[in-house]
Amino acid sequence: MVCARDAGEFVPYGEAILRASDEHRQPIFVMIDEGQLFSATKKRKGEVGAASDIVNDFVGRGRKRALDVFITALRYTGTLHRSIFSNKNLSLIGCQEDPTVWSALAPQFKASRIEFTDLNGLAPGEFFCFSRRGVEKVKMPMAGALRKVAPRAKAVRRALPANFRQWDMAMREIDTPRLHALADPELVGLLGAVAGLSSQQMTTGITALEDELAGR
């Protein structure tokens, strides 16, 4: 295991892996965590471009070299090069807490009738797996192993805004672009359903949102 904190540090390790796979032609499994640091959606120059080219070589020519790659990324489609998706065998999508990413994921779940609430309800180690057989919910074996060593989390009661003053204070802490995104009625309804807000809380929150947008 090696630590590459950015694309520049990743390049020599990536080049060494490519040389080893070319010379030895033996099964190699490479796992890249935080893949968005070493890949880019478009052609780039410099260290990011070099790292992205290496990752694209991993996924594009890896089969002929007995090289398997597993990549994790924070943002699903918005941070990785398209060739990674065109050459993949499996896709694992875990718990999503930000409803704004659903628009990028929704087309893939359309046929399966899986909604954002299903993704939001996934437990640690649970994923929706996309393969040639379709989509299915899976639980990774490591989830059981982690349970033995991970401290049990204490249940915390959610404190959601209940009146206009609380909503107003919450809205002030949100940047303007995100506030404009929250102005979408469908998104507001989805967020309210996920959070379990009452109709009174929803009405007060919408009023505070409109007031804050007007003030800005």
N, C-alpha and C. Protein backbone atom coordinates (compact mmCIF):
# COMPACT_ATOMS: atom_id res chain seq x y z
N MET A 1 0.85 -1.18 0.00
CA MET A 1 0.00 0.00 0.00
C MET A 1 0.88 1.24 0.00
N VAL A 2 0.57 2.19 -0.86
CA VAL A 2 1.33 3.43 -0.93
C VAL A 2 0.37 4.61 -0.81
N CYS A 3 0.89 5.74 -0.38
CA CYS A 3 0.08 6.95 -0.21
C CYS A 3 0.50 7.99 -1.25
N ALA A 4 -0.40 8.31 -2.15
CA ALA A 4 -0.18 9.37 -3.13
C ALA A 4 -1.20 10.46 -2.86
N ARG A 5 -0.73 11.60 -2.39
CA ARG A 5 -1.65 12.65 -1.96
C ARG A 5 -2.18 13.50 -3.10
N ASP A 6 -1.55 13.41 -4.27
CA ASP A 6 -2.04 14.16 -5.42
C ASP A 6 -1.59 13.45 -6.69
N ALA A 7 -1.97 14.02 -7.84
CA ALA A 7 -1.67 13.39 -9.12
C ALA A 7 -0.17 13.26 -9.35
N GLY A 8 0.61 14.27 -8.92
CA GLY A 8 2.05 14.23 -9.12
C GLY A 8 2.70 13.07 -8.40
N GLU A 9 2.25 12.77 -7.20
CA GLU A 9 2.81 11.65 -6.44
C GLU A 9 2.33 10.31 -6.99
N PHE A 10 1.18 10.32 -7.65
CA PHE A 10 0.61 9.07 -8.18
C PHE A 10 1.35 8.59 -9.42
N VAL A 11 1.82 9.52 -10.26
CA VAL A 11 2.38 9.17 -11.57
C VAL A 11 3.49 8.12 -11.50
N PRO A 12 4.54 8.28 -10.66
CA PRO A 12 5.60 7.25 -10.65
C PRO A 12 5.10 5.87 -10.22
N TYR A 13 4.16 5.82 -9.28
CA TYR A 13 3.60 4.53 -8.88
C TYR A 13 2.81 3.91 -10.04
N GLY A 14 2.01 4.74 -10.71
CA GLY A 14 1.23 4.25 -11.84
C GLY A 14 2.11 3.72 -12.96
N GLU A 15 3.20 4.44 -13.25
CA GLU A 15 4.12 3.99 -14.30
C GLU A 15 4.79 2.68 -13.92
N ALA A 16 5.12 2.52 -12.64
CA ALA A 16 5.74 1.27 -12.18
C ALA A 16 4.78 0.09 -12.33
N ILE A 17 3.51 0.32 -12.04
CA ILE A 17 2.50 -0.74 -12.18
C ILE A 17 2.34 -1.13 -13.64
N LEU A 18 2.34 -0.14 -14.53
CA LEU A 18 2.22 -0.44 -15.96
C LEU A 18 3.41 -1.25 -16.45
N ARG A 19 4.62 -0.88 -16.02
CA ARG A 19 5.82 -1.61 -16.43
C ARG A 19 5.77 -3.05 -15.91
N ALA A 20 5.35 -3.22 -14.66
CA ALA A 20 5.29 -4.56 -14.08
C ALA A 20 4.27 -5.43 -14.81
N SER A 21 3.13 -4.85 -15.16
CA SER A 21 2.10 -5.63 -15.86
C SER A 21 2.56 -6.00 -17.27
N ASP A 22 3.33 -5.13 -17.91
CA ASP A 22 3.85 -5.42 -19.25
C ASP A 22 4.91 -6.53 -19.21
N GLU A 23 5.79 -6.46 -18.21
CA GLU A 23 6.92 -7.38 -18.15
C GLU A 23 6.53 -8.77 -17.64
N HIS A 24 5.67 -8.83 -16.65
CA HIS A 24 5.40 -10.10 -15.98
C HIS A 24 4.12 -10.79 -16.44
N ARG A 25 3.15 -10.03 -16.89
CA ARG A 25 1.88 -10.61 -17.36
C ARG A 25 1.29 -11.58 -16.35
N GLN A 26 1.35 -11.21 -15.09
CA GLN A 26 0.77 -12.00 -14.01
C GLN A 26 -0.38 -11.20 -13.40
N PRO A 27 -1.38 -11.90 -12.81
CA PRO A 27 -2.53 -11.19 -12.25
C PRO A 27 -2.12 -10.12 -11.23
N ILE A 28 -2.61 -8.92 -11.43
CA ILE A 28 -2.35 -7.80 -10.52
C ILE A 28 -3.69 -7.14 -10.20
N PHE A 29 -3.91 -6.87 -8.92
CA PHE A 29 -5.12 -6.16 -8.51
C PHE A 29 -4.70 -4.81 -7.93
N VAL A 30 -5.21 -3.74 -8.51
CA VAL A 30 -4.88 -2.38 -8.07
C VAL A 30 -6.15 -1.72 -7.54
N MET A 31 -6.08 -1.20 -6.32
CA MET A 31 -7.20 -0.45 -5.77
C MET A 31 -6.79 1.00 -5.61
N ILE A 32 -7.58 1.91 -6.18
CA ILE A 32 -7.30 3.34 -6.13
C ILE A 32 -8.41 4.02 -5.34
N ASP A 33 -8.06 4.53 -4.17
CA ASP A 33 -9.04 5.25 -3.35
C ASP A 33 -8.99 6.74 -3.70
N GLU A 34 -10.13 7.41 -3.57
CA GLU A 34 -10.23 8.84 -3.92
C GLU A 34 -9.79 9.05 -5.37
N GLY A 35 -10.40 8.28 -6.26
CA GLY A 35 -10.01 8.31 -7.67
C GLY A 35 -10.13 9.66 -8.33
N GLN A 36 -10.99 10.55 -7.78
CA GLN A 36 -11.16 11.86 -8.39
C GLN A 36 -9.88 12.71 -8.31
N LEU A 37 -8.91 12.31 -7.47
CA LEU A 37 -7.64 13.03 -7.39
C LEU A 37 -6.73 12.71 -8.56
N PHE A 38 -6.96 11.57 -9.20
CA PHE A 38 -6.04 11.09 -10.23
C PHE A 38 -6.70 10.93 -11.60
N SER A 39 -7.90 11.43 -11.74
CA SER A 39 -8.62 11.35 -13.01
C SER A 39 -9.33 12.66 -13.27
N ALA A 40 -9.66 12.91 -14.52
CA ALA A 40 -10.37 14.14 -14.88
C ALA A 40 -11.38 13.82 -15.97
N THR A 41 -12.48 14.56 -15.98
CA THR A 41 -13.54 14.27 -16.95
C THR A 41 -13.12 14.55 -18.37
N LYS A 42 -12.19 15.50 -18.56
CA LYS A 42 -11.73 15.88 -19.90
C LYS A 42 -10.21 15.77 -19.98
N LYS A 43 -9.71 15.84 -21.21
CA LYS A 43 -8.27 15.78 -21.43
C LYS A 43 -7.61 16.96 -20.74
N ARG A 44 -6.59 16.68 -19.94
CA ARG A 44 -5.90 17.72 -19.18
C ARG A 44 -4.39 17.64 -19.42
N LYS A 45 -3.71 18.75 -19.16
CA LYS A 45 -2.25 18.78 -19.25
C LYS A 45 -1.66 18.69 -17.85
N GLY A 46 -0.34 18.56 -17.79
CA GLY A 46 0.33 18.54 -16.51
C GLY A 46 0.18 17.23 -15.77
N GLU A 47 0.33 17.30 -14.45
CA GLU A 47 0.33 16.10 -13.62
C GLU A 47 -1.02 15.40 -13.62
N VAL A 48 -2.11 16.18 -13.57
CA VAL A 48 -3.44 15.57 -13.60
C VAL A 48 -3.67 14.83 -14.91
N GLY A 49 -3.22 15.42 -16.01
CA GLY A 49 -3.37 14.77 -17.31
C GLY A 49 -2.58 13.48 -17.39
N ALA A 50 -1.33 13.50 -16.87
CA ALA A 50 -0.50 12.30 -16.88
C ALA A 50 -1.11 11.20 -16.02
N ALA A 51 -1.59 11.57 -14.84
CA ALA A 51 -2.22 10.58 -13.95
C ALA A 51 -3.48 10.01 -14.58
N SER A 52 -4.28 10.88 -15.19
CA SER A 52 -5.52 10.44 -15.82
C SER A 52 -5.25 9.48 -16.97
N ASP A 53 -4.19 9.75 -17.75
CA ASP A 53 -3.82 8.86 -18.85
C ASP A 53 -3.43 7.47 -18.33
N ILE A 54 -2.72 7.45 -17.21
CA ILE A 54 -2.31 6.17 -16.62
C ILE A 54 -3.53 5.37 -16.16
N VAL A 55 -4.46 6.04 -15.48
CA VAL A 55 -5.67 5.36 -15.03
C VAL A 55 -6.46 4.84 -16.22
N ASN A 56 -6.54 5.63 -17.29
CA ASN A 56 -7.24 5.19 -18.50
C ASN A 56 -6.56 3.98 -19.12
N ASP A 57 -5.21 3.91 -19.03
CA ASP A 57 -4.49 2.73 -19.50
C ASP A 57 -4.84 1.51 -18.65
N PHE A 58 -4.94 1.73 -17.35
CA PHE A 58 -5.32 0.63 -16.45
C PHE A 58 -6.62 -0.01 -16.90
N VAL A 59 -7.65 0.82 -17.11
CA VAL A 59 -8.99 0.30 -17.39
C VAL A 59 -9.15 -0.09 -18.86
N GLY A 60 -8.40 0.54 -19.76
CA GLY A 60 -8.57 0.26 -21.18
C GLY A 60 -7.78 -0.93 -21.67
N ARG A 61 -6.58 -1.13 -21.13
CA ARG A 61 -5.71 -2.20 -21.61
C ARG A 61 -5.39 -3.23 -20.53
N GLY A 62 -6.04 -3.07 -19.38
CA GLY A 62 -5.74 -3.95 -18.26
C GLY A 62 -6.08 -5.41 -18.50
N ARG A 63 -7.15 -5.67 -19.25
CA ARG A 63 -7.56 -7.07 -19.47
C ARG A 63 -6.46 -7.88 -20.15
N LYS A 64 -5.77 -7.26 -21.11
CA LYS A 64 -4.72 -7.97 -21.84
C LYS A 64 -3.47 -8.18 -20.98
N ARG A 65 -3.39 -7.44 -19.89
CA ARG A 65 -2.22 -7.54 -19.01
C ARG A 65 -2.54 -8.26 -17.70
N ALA A 66 -3.73 -8.81 -17.57
CA ALA A 66 -4.18 -9.45 -16.32
C ALA A 66 -4.19 -8.45 -15.17
N LEU A 67 -4.54 -7.20 -15.51
CA LEU A 67 -4.56 -6.12 -14.52
C LEU A 67 -6.00 -5.73 -14.21
N ASP A 68 -6.42 -5.96 -12.97
CA ASP A 68 -7.77 -5.58 -12.52
C ASP A 68 -7.67 -4.32 -11.67
N VAL A 69 -8.65 -3.44 -11.85
CA VAL A 69 -8.63 -2.15 -11.15
C VAL A 69 -9.95 -1.94 -10.42
N PHE A 70 -9.86 -1.45 -9.19
CA PHE A 70 -11.04 -1.05 -8.41
C PHE A 70 -10.83 0.40 -8.00
N ILE A 71 -11.76 1.28 -8.38
CA ILE A 71 -11.63 2.71 -8.12
C ILE A 71 -12.81 3.20 -7.30
N THR A 72 -12.52 3.96 -6.26
CA THR A 72 -13.57 4.63 -5.50
C THR A 72 -13.49 6.12 -5.77
N ALA A 73 -14.63 6.79 -5.72
CA ALA A 73 -14.67 8.24 -5.95
C ALA A 73 -15.83 8.84 -5.18
N LEU A 74 -15.66 10.07 -4.74
CA LEU A 74 -16.70 10.74 -3.97
C LEU A 74 -17.90 11.06 -4.84
N ARG A 75 -17.65 11.66 -5.99
CA ARG A 75 -18.72 12.02 -6.90
C ARG A 75 -18.72 11.03 -8.05
N TYR A 76 -19.90 10.46 -8.32
CA TYR A 76 -19.95 9.32 -9.24
C TYR A 76 -19.51 9.67 -10.66
N THR A 77 -20.30 10.44 -11.39
CA THR A 77 -19.99 10.70 -12.80
C THR A 77 -19.31 12.02 -13.03
N GLY A 78 -19.23 12.87 -12.01
CA GLY A 78 -18.76 14.22 -12.23
C GLY A 78 -17.27 14.43 -12.10
N THR A 79 -16.49 13.41 -11.74
CA THR A 79 -15.07 13.64 -11.49
C THR A 79 -14.15 12.67 -12.22
N LEU A 80 -14.67 11.65 -12.87
CA LEU A 80 -13.83 10.64 -13.51
C LEU A 80 -13.97 10.69 -15.02
N HIS A 81 -12.92 10.25 -15.71
CA HIS A 81 -12.93 10.24 -17.18
C HIS A 81 -13.95 9.22 -17.70
N ARG A 82 -14.57 9.55 -18.81
CA ARG A 82 -15.63 8.70 -19.35
C ARG A 82 -15.14 7.30 -19.72
N SER A 83 -13.87 7.17 -20.07
CA SER A 83 -13.37 5.84 -20.46
C SER A 83 -13.42 4.85 -19.31
N ILE A 84 -13.39 5.36 -18.09
CA ILE A 84 -13.50 4.47 -16.93
C ILE A 84 -14.86 3.78 -16.92
N PHE A 85 -15.90 4.54 -17.26
CA PHE A 85 -17.25 3.97 -17.26
C PHE A 85 -17.48 3.06 -18.46
N SER A 86 -16.87 3.40 -19.60
CA SER A 86 -17.08 2.59 -20.80
C SER A 86 -16.35 1.25 -20.72
N ASN A 87 -15.35 1.14 -19.85
CA ASN A 87 -14.58 -0.10 -19.73
C ASN A 87 -14.86 -0.87 -18.44
N LYS A 88 -15.81 -0.44 -17.67
CA LYS A 88 -16.07 -1.07 -16.38
C LYS A 88 -16.81 -2.40 -16.53
N ASN A 89 -16.65 -3.26 -15.55
CA ASN A 89 -17.43 -4.50 -15.46
C ASN A 89 -18.53 -4.37 -14.41
N LEU A 90 -18.19 -3.75 -13.28
CA LEU A 90 -19.15 -3.57 -12.19
C LEU A 90 -19.13 -2.13 -11.71
N SER A 91 -20.29 -1.65 -11.28
CA SER A 91 -20.39 -0.34 -10.63
C SER A 91 -21.09 -0.53 -9.30
N LEU A 92 -20.50 -0.01 -8.24
CA LEU A 92 -21.10 -0.07 -6.91
C LEU A 92 -21.42 1.35 -6.46
N ILE A 93 -22.69 1.60 -6.17
CA ILE A 93 -23.13 2.92 -5.72
C ILE A 93 -23.65 2.79 -4.30
N GLY A 94 -23.01 3.51 -3.39
CA GLY A 94 -23.36 3.42 -1.99
C GLY A 94 -24.31 4.52 -1.54
N CYS A 95 -24.37 4.73 -0.24
CA CYS A 95 -25.29 5.69 0.35
C CYS A 95 -25.04 7.10 -0.19
N GLN A 96 -26.10 7.78 -0.58
CA GLN A 96 -26.02 9.15 -1.07
C GLN A 96 -26.81 10.05 -0.12
N GLU A 97 -26.15 11.08 0.39
CA GLU A 97 -26.81 11.99 1.32
C GLU A 97 -27.12 13.35 0.69
N ASP A 98 -26.54 13.62 -0.47
CA ASP A 98 -26.76 14.91 -1.14
C ASP A 98 -27.76 14.71 -2.29
N PRO A 99 -28.98 15.20 -2.16
CA PRO A 99 -29.99 15.00 -3.20
C PRO A 99 -29.63 15.64 -4.54
N THR A 100 -28.70 16.61 -4.55
CA THR A 100 -28.37 17.28 -5.80
C THR A 100 -27.64 16.36 -6.78
N VAL A 101 -27.07 15.25 -6.30
CA VAL A 101 -26.38 14.33 -7.21
C VAL A 101 -27.35 13.36 -7.87
N TRP A 102 -28.59 13.32 -7.41
CA TRP A 102 -29.55 12.34 -7.92
C TRP A 102 -29.82 12.54 -9.40
N SER A 103 -29.77 13.77 -9.89
CA SER A 103 -30.05 14.01 -11.30
C SER A 103 -29.06 13.28 -12.20
N ALA A 104 -27.81 13.12 -11.73
CA ALA A 104 -26.80 12.41 -12.52
C ALA A 104 -26.97 10.90 -12.43
N LEU A 105 -27.53 10.43 -11.33
CA LEU A 105 -27.68 8.99 -11.12
C LEU A 105 -29.02 8.44 -11.58
N ALA A 106 -30.04 9.28 -11.58
CA ALA A 106 -31.41 8.83 -11.85
C ALA A 106 -31.57 8.03 -13.14
N PRO A 107 -30.94 8.43 -14.29
CA PRO A 107 -31.14 7.66 -15.52
C PRO A 107 -30.75 6.19 -15.39
N GLN A 108 -29.76 5.89 -14.58
CA GLN A 108 -29.31 4.50 -14.43
C GLN A 108 -30.30 3.67 -13.62
N PHE A 109 -31.06 4.33 -12.76
CA PHE A 109 -32.01 3.61 -11.91
C PHE A 109 -33.43 3.64 -12.46
N LYS A 110 -33.62 4.26 -13.61
CA LYS A 110 -34.97 4.45 -14.13
C LYS A 110 -35.72 3.14 -14.31
N ALA A 111 -35.07 2.16 -14.93
CA ALA A 111 -35.74 0.88 -15.21
C ALA A 111 -35.98 0.07 -13.94
N SER A 112 -35.16 0.26 -12.93
CA SER A 112 -35.28 -0.53 -11.70
C SER A 112 -36.22 0.08 -10.68
N ARG A 113 -36.67 1.32 -10.94
CA ARG A 113 -37.59 2.04 -10.05
C ARG A 113 -36.97 2.29 -8.67
N ILE A 114 -35.69 2.40 -8.63
CA ILE A 114 -35.00 2.76 -7.39
C ILE A 114 -34.96 4.27 -7.29
N GLU A 115 -35.29 4.80 -6.11
CA GLU A 115 -35.36 6.24 -5.91
C GLU A 115 -34.23 6.71 -4.98
N PHE A 116 -34.13 8.03 -4.84
CA PHE A 116 -33.09 8.60 -3.97
C PHE A 116 -33.23 8.09 -2.54
N THR A 117 -34.45 7.92 -2.08
CA THR A 117 -34.66 7.45 -0.70
C THR A 117 -34.05 6.06 -0.49
N ASP A 118 -34.03 5.24 -1.55
CA ASP A 118 -33.42 3.91 -1.44
C ASP A 118 -31.90 4.03 -1.27
N LEU A 119 -31.29 4.96 -2.02
CA LEU A 119 -29.85 5.18 -1.87
C LEU A 119 -29.53 5.78 -0.51
N ASN A 120 -30.36 6.71 -0.08
CA ASN A 120 -30.13 7.38 1.19
C ASN A 120 -30.25 6.42 2.38
N GLY A 121 -30.99 5.34 2.20
CA GLY A 121 -31.20 4.39 3.28
C GLY A 121 -30.19 3.26 3.34
N LEU A 122 -29.20 3.25 2.44
CA LEU A 122 -28.20 2.19 2.46
C LEU A 122 -27.32 2.29 3.70
N ALA A 123 -27.05 1.15 4.31
CA ALA A 123 -26.19 1.10 5.49
C ALA A 123 -24.73 0.99 5.05
N PRO A 124 -23.77 1.22 5.97
CA PRO A 124 -22.36 1.04 5.62
C PRO A 124 -22.09 -0.37 5.08
N GLY A 125 -21.38 -0.44 3.96
CA GLY A 125 -21.09 -1.73 3.35
C GLY A 125 -22.14 -2.21 2.38
N GLU A 126 -23.28 -1.50 2.28
CA GLU A 126 -24.34 -1.87 1.34
C GLU A 126 -24.25 -1.01 0.08
N PHE A 127 -24.48 -1.64 -1.07
CA PHE A 127 -24.39 -0.96 -2.35
C PHE A 127 -25.45 -1.49 -3.31
N PHE A 128 -25.76 -0.66 -4.32
CA PHE A 128 -26.48 -1.15 -5.48
C PHE A 128 -25.43 -1.47 -6.53
N CYS A 129 -25.42 -2.72 -7.00
CA CYS A 129 -24.40 -3.20 -7.92
C CYS A 129 -24.96 -3.30 -9.33
N PHE A 130 -24.32 -2.63 -10.28
CA PHE A 130 -24.69 -2.70 -11.69
C PHE A 130 -23.75 -3.65 -12.40
N SER A 131 -24.31 -4.65 -13.08
CA SER A 131 -23.52 -5.60 -13.84
C SER A 131 -24.30 -5.97 -15.10
N ARG A 132 -23.78 -6.91 -15.87
CA ARG A 132 -24.48 -7.33 -17.08
C ARG A 132 -25.79 -8.03 -16.76
N ARG A 133 -25.94 -8.49 -15.54
CA ARG A 133 -27.18 -9.15 -15.12
C ARG A 133 -28.24 -8.15 -14.70
N GLY A 134 -27.87 -6.89 -14.57
CA GLY A 134 -28.82 -5.87 -14.14
C GLY A 134 -28.33 -5.18 -12.88
N VAL A 135 -29.27 -4.76 -12.05
CA VAL A 135 -28.92 -4.07 -10.81
C VAL A 135 -29.47 -4.86 -9.62
N GLU A 136 -28.66 -5.00 -8.59
CA GLU A 136 -29.09 -5.71 -7.39
C GLU A 136 -28.44 -5.08 -6.16
N LYS A 137 -29.09 -5.25 -5.04
CA LYS A 137 -28.55 -4.73 -3.78
C LYS A 137 -27.62 -5.77 -3.18
N VAL A 138 -26.40 -5.34 -2.84
CA VAL A 138 -25.41 -6.26 -2.29
C VAL A 138 -24.84 -5.70 -0.99
N LYS A 139 -24.29 -6.59 -0.20
CA LYS A 139 -23.62 -6.20 1.04
C LYS A 139 -22.22 -6.76 1.02
N MET A 140 -21.23 -5.89 1.10
CA MET A 140 -19.84 -6.31 1.00
C MET A 140 -19.44 -7.10 2.24
N PRO A 141 -18.64 -8.16 2.09
CA PRO A 141 -18.22 -8.97 3.24
C PRO A 141 -17.51 -8.15 4.31
N MET A 142 -16.83 -7.06 3.89
CA MET A 142 -16.07 -6.28 4.86
C MET A 142 -16.98 -5.61 5.88
N ALA A 143 -18.26 -5.48 5.59
CA ALA A 143 -19.17 -4.83 6.53
C ALA A 143 -19.21 -5.59 7.85
N GLY A 144 -19.22 -6.92 7.78
CA GLY A 144 -19.22 -7.71 8.99
C GLY A 144 -17.92 -7.60 9.76
N ALA A 145 -16.79 -7.54 9.03
CA ALA A 145 -15.49 -7.41 9.67
C ALA A 145 -15.36 -6.06 10.37
N LEU A 146 -15.86 -5.02 9.73
CA LEU A 146 -15.76 -3.69 10.32
C LEU A 146 -16.59 -3.58 11.59
N ARG A 147 -17.70 -4.32 11.64
CA ARG A 147 -18.58 -4.24 12.80
C ARG A 147 -17.85 -4.71 14.08
N LYS A 148 -16.86 -5.56 13.92
CA LYS A 148 -16.15 -6.09 15.08
C LYS A 148 -15.20 -5.07 15.70
N VAL A 149 -14.73 -4.13 14.89
CA VAL A 149 -13.73 -3.18 15.39
C VAL A 149 -14.25 -1.75 15.46
N ALA A 150 -15.30 -1.44 14.73
CA ALA A 150 -15.80 -0.07 14.71
C ALA A 150 -16.63 0.21 15.96
N PRO A 151 -16.43 1.36 16.60
CA PRO A 151 -17.25 1.69 17.78
C PRO A 151 -18.70 1.90 17.39
N ARG A 152 -19.60 1.46 18.23
CA ARG A 152 -21.02 1.62 17.96
C ARG A 152 -21.40 3.09 18.06
N ALA A 153 -22.04 3.59 17.03
CA ALA A 153 -22.43 5.00 17.01
C ALA A 153 -23.64 5.23 17.92
N LYS A 154 -23.62 6.34 18.61
CA LYS A 154 -24.74 6.70 19.47
C LYS A 154 -25.83 7.37 18.64
N ALA A 155 -27.05 6.96 18.87
CA ALA A 155 -28.17 7.57 18.15
C ALA A 155 -28.34 9.01 18.61
N VAL A 156 -28.38 9.92 17.63
CA VAL A 156 -28.53 11.34 17.93
C VAL A 156 -29.86 11.82 17.37
N ARG A 157 -30.61 12.47 18.21
CA ARG A 157 -31.90 12.98 17.78
C ARG A 157 -31.69 14.15 16.82
N ARG A 158 -32.30 14.08 15.65
CA ARG A 158 -32.14 15.14 14.67
C ARG A 158 -32.84 16.41 15.13
N ALA A 159 -32.13 17.53 15.02
CA ALA A 159 -32.71 18.83 15.38
C ALA A 159 -33.01 19.59 14.09
N LEU A 160 -34.25 19.56 13.65
CA LEU A 160 -34.65 20.23 12.42
C LEU A 160 -35.36 21.54 12.75
N PRO A 161 -35.21 22.56 11.91
CA PRO A 161 -35.88 23.84 12.17
C PRO A 161 -37.38 23.65 12.33
N ALA A 162 -37.93 24.35 13.33
CA ALA A 162 -39.36 24.20 13.62
C ALA A 162 -40.13 25.49 13.45
N ASN A 163 -39.43 26.64 13.41
CA ASN A 163 -40.13 27.92 13.24
C ASN A 163 -39.37 28.80 12.26
N PHE A 164 -39.95 29.95 11.94
CA PHE A 164 -39.36 30.81 10.92
C PHE A 164 -37.96 31.28 11.33
N ARG A 165 -37.77 31.63 12.58
CA ARG A 165 -36.47 32.13 13.03
C ARG A 165 -35.38 31.08 12.83
N GLN A 166 -35.68 29.83 13.16
CA GLN A 166 -34.70 28.76 12.99
C GLN A 166 -34.41 28.50 11.51
N TRP A 167 -35.47 28.53 10.69
CA TRP A 167 -35.27 28.37 9.25
C TRP A 167 -34.44 29.52 8.69
N ASP A 168 -34.74 30.74 9.15
CA ASP A 168 -34.03 31.92 8.66
C ASP A 168 -32.54 31.83 8.97
N MET A 169 -32.21 31.40 10.17
CA MET A 169 -30.80 31.25 10.55
C MET A 169 -30.12 30.17 9.72
N ALA A 170 -30.85 29.10 9.43
CA ALA A 170 -30.28 28.01 8.62
C ALA A 170 -30.03 28.46 7.19
N MET A 171 -30.97 29.24 6.62
CA MET A 171 -30.83 29.70 5.24
C MET A 171 -29.65 30.64 5.07
N ARG A 172 -29.35 31.43 6.09
CA ARG A 172 -28.25 32.38 6.00
C ARG A 172 -26.90 31.70 5.85
N GLU A 173 -26.78 30.47 6.31
CA GLU A 173 -25.51 29.74 6.25
C GLU A 173 -25.31 29.01 4.93
N ILE A 174 -26.31 29.04 4.05
CA ILE A 174 -26.22 28.34 2.76
C ILE A 174 -25.80 29.32 1.68
N ASP A 175 -24.84 28.91 0.83
CA ASP A 175 -24.38 29.81 -0.23
C ASP A 175 -25.47 29.99 -1.28
N THR A 176 -25.35 31.07 -2.05
CA THR A 176 -26.40 31.46 -3.00
C THR A 176 -26.68 30.41 -4.08
N PRO A 177 -25.66 29.82 -4.73
CA PRO A 177 -25.95 28.80 -5.76
C PRO A 177 -26.77 27.63 -5.22
N ARG A 178 -26.46 27.19 -4.00
CA ARG A 178 -27.21 26.07 -3.43
C ARG A 178 -28.64 26.48 -3.07
N LEU A 179 -28.80 27.75 -2.63
CA LEU A 179 -30.14 28.24 -2.34
C LEU A 179 -31.00 28.24 -3.60
N HIS A 180 -30.41 28.67 -4.72
CA HIS A 180 -31.16 28.67 -5.98
C HIS A 180 -31.53 27.24 -6.38
N ALA A 181 -30.63 26.29 -6.12
CA ALA A 181 -30.94 24.88 -6.43
C ALA A 181 -32.09 24.38 -5.57
N LEU A 182 -32.16 24.87 -4.33
CA LEU A 182 -33.23 24.45 -3.42
C LEU A 182 -34.57 25.05 -3.78
N ALA A 183 -34.58 26.01 -4.72
CA ALA A 183 -35.84 26.63 -5.10
C ALA A 183 -36.69 25.73 -6.00
N ASP A 184 -36.13 24.61 -6.44
CA ASP A 184 -36.87 23.66 -7.28
C ASP A 184 -37.93 22.96 -6.42
N PRO A 185 -39.22 23.11 -6.74
CA PRO A 185 -40.29 22.52 -5.92
C PRO A 185 -40.17 21.01 -5.75
N GLU A 186 -39.76 20.30 -6.82
CA GLU A 186 -39.63 18.84 -6.73
C GLU A 186 -38.52 18.46 -5.75
N LEU A 187 -37.41 19.20 -5.81
CA LEU A 187 -36.30 18.93 -4.90
C LEU A 187 -36.69 19.23 -3.46
N VAL A 188 -37.41 20.33 -3.26
CA VAL A 188 -37.87 20.68 -1.91
C VAL A 188 -38.78 19.60 -1.35
N GLY A 189 -39.69 19.09 -2.18
CA GLY A 189 -40.58 18.03 -1.74
C GLY A 189 -39.82 16.76 -1.38
N LEU A 190 -38.81 16.43 -2.20
CA LEU A 190 -38.00 15.24 -1.94
C LEU A 190 -37.23 15.39 -0.63
N LEU A 191 -36.61 16.55 -0.43
CA LEU A 191 -35.86 16.78 0.80
C LEU A 191 -36.76 16.71 2.03
N GLY A 192 -37.96 17.29 1.89
CA GLY A 192 -38.90 17.25 3.00
C GLY A 192 -39.32 15.85 3.36
N ALA A 193 -39.53 15.01 2.32
CA ALA A 193 -39.93 13.62 2.56
C ALA A 193 -38.81 12.83 3.22
N VAL A 194 -37.56 13.05 2.74
CA VAL A 194 -36.42 12.35 3.32
C VAL A 194 -36.21 12.74 4.78
N ALA A 195 -36.38 14.03 5.08
CA ALA A 195 -36.16 14.52 6.44
C ALA A 195 -37.34 14.26 7.36
N GLY A 196 -38.50 13.91 6.79
CA GLY A 196 -39.68 13.66 7.60
C GLY A 196 -40.30 14.93 8.17
N LEU A 197 -40.26 16.02 7.40
CA LEU A 197 -40.81 17.30 7.86
C LEU A 197 -42.33 17.30 7.80
N SER A 198 -42.94 18.00 8.73
CA SER A 198 -44.39 18.17 8.71
C SER A 198 -44.76 19.23 7.68
N SER A 199 -46.04 19.29 7.33
CA SER A 199 -46.49 20.29 6.35
C SER A 199 -46.23 21.71 6.87
N GLN A 200 -46.37 21.91 8.18
CA GLN A 200 -46.12 23.23 8.77
C GLN A 200 -44.64 23.61 8.64
N GLN A 201 -43.76 22.65 8.91
CA GLN A 201 -42.33 22.91 8.76
C GLN A 201 -41.98 23.21 7.31
N MET A 202 -42.59 22.48 6.39
CA MET A 202 -42.34 22.71 4.97
C MET A 202 -42.76 24.11 4.56
N THR A 203 -43.95 24.52 4.97
CA THR A 203 -44.46 25.84 4.61
C THR A 203 -43.57 26.94 5.17
N THR A 204 -43.18 26.81 6.43
CA THR A 204 -42.32 27.81 7.06
C THR A 204 -40.95 27.85 6.40
N GLY A 205 -40.42 26.68 6.07
CA GLY A 205 -39.12 26.62 5.42
C GLY A 205 -39.12 27.26 4.04
N ILE A 206 -40.17 27.00 3.26
CA ILE A 206 -40.29 27.59 1.92
C ILE A 206 -40.38 29.10 2.02
N THR A 207 -41.14 29.60 3.01
CA THR A 207 -41.25 31.05 3.21
C THR A 207 -39.90 31.67 3.55
N ALA A 208 -39.14 31.00 4.42
CA ALA A 208 -37.81 31.50 4.79
C ALA A 208 -36.86 31.47 3.60
N LEU A 209 -36.97 30.44 2.77
CA LEU A 209 -36.14 30.33 1.57
C LEU A 209 -36.43 31.47 0.61
N GLU A 210 -37.70 31.71 0.33
CA GLU A 210 -38.08 32.79 -0.57
C GLU A 210 -37.64 34.14 -0.03
N ASP A 211 -37.77 34.33 1.28
CA ASP A 211 -37.37 35.59 1.91
C ASP A 211 -35.86 35.81 1.79
N GLU A 212 -35.08 34.74 1.99
CA GLU A 212 -33.62 34.86 1.91
C GLU A 212 -33.17 35.14 0.49
N LEU A 213 -33.78 34.46 -0.49
CA LEU A 213 -33.43 34.70 -1.89
C LEU A 213 -33.76 36.13 -2.30
N ALA A 214 -34.91 36.63 -1.85
CA ALA A 214 -35.30 38.00 -2.18
C ALA A 214 -34.33 39.01 -1.56
N GLY A 215 -33.83 38.70 -0.35
CA GLY A 215 -32.90 39.59 0.32
C GLY A 215 -31.53 39.63 -0.33
N ARG A 216 -31.16 38.56 -1.00
CA ARG A 216 -29.84 38.52 -1.65
C ARG A 216 -29.87 39.14 -3.04
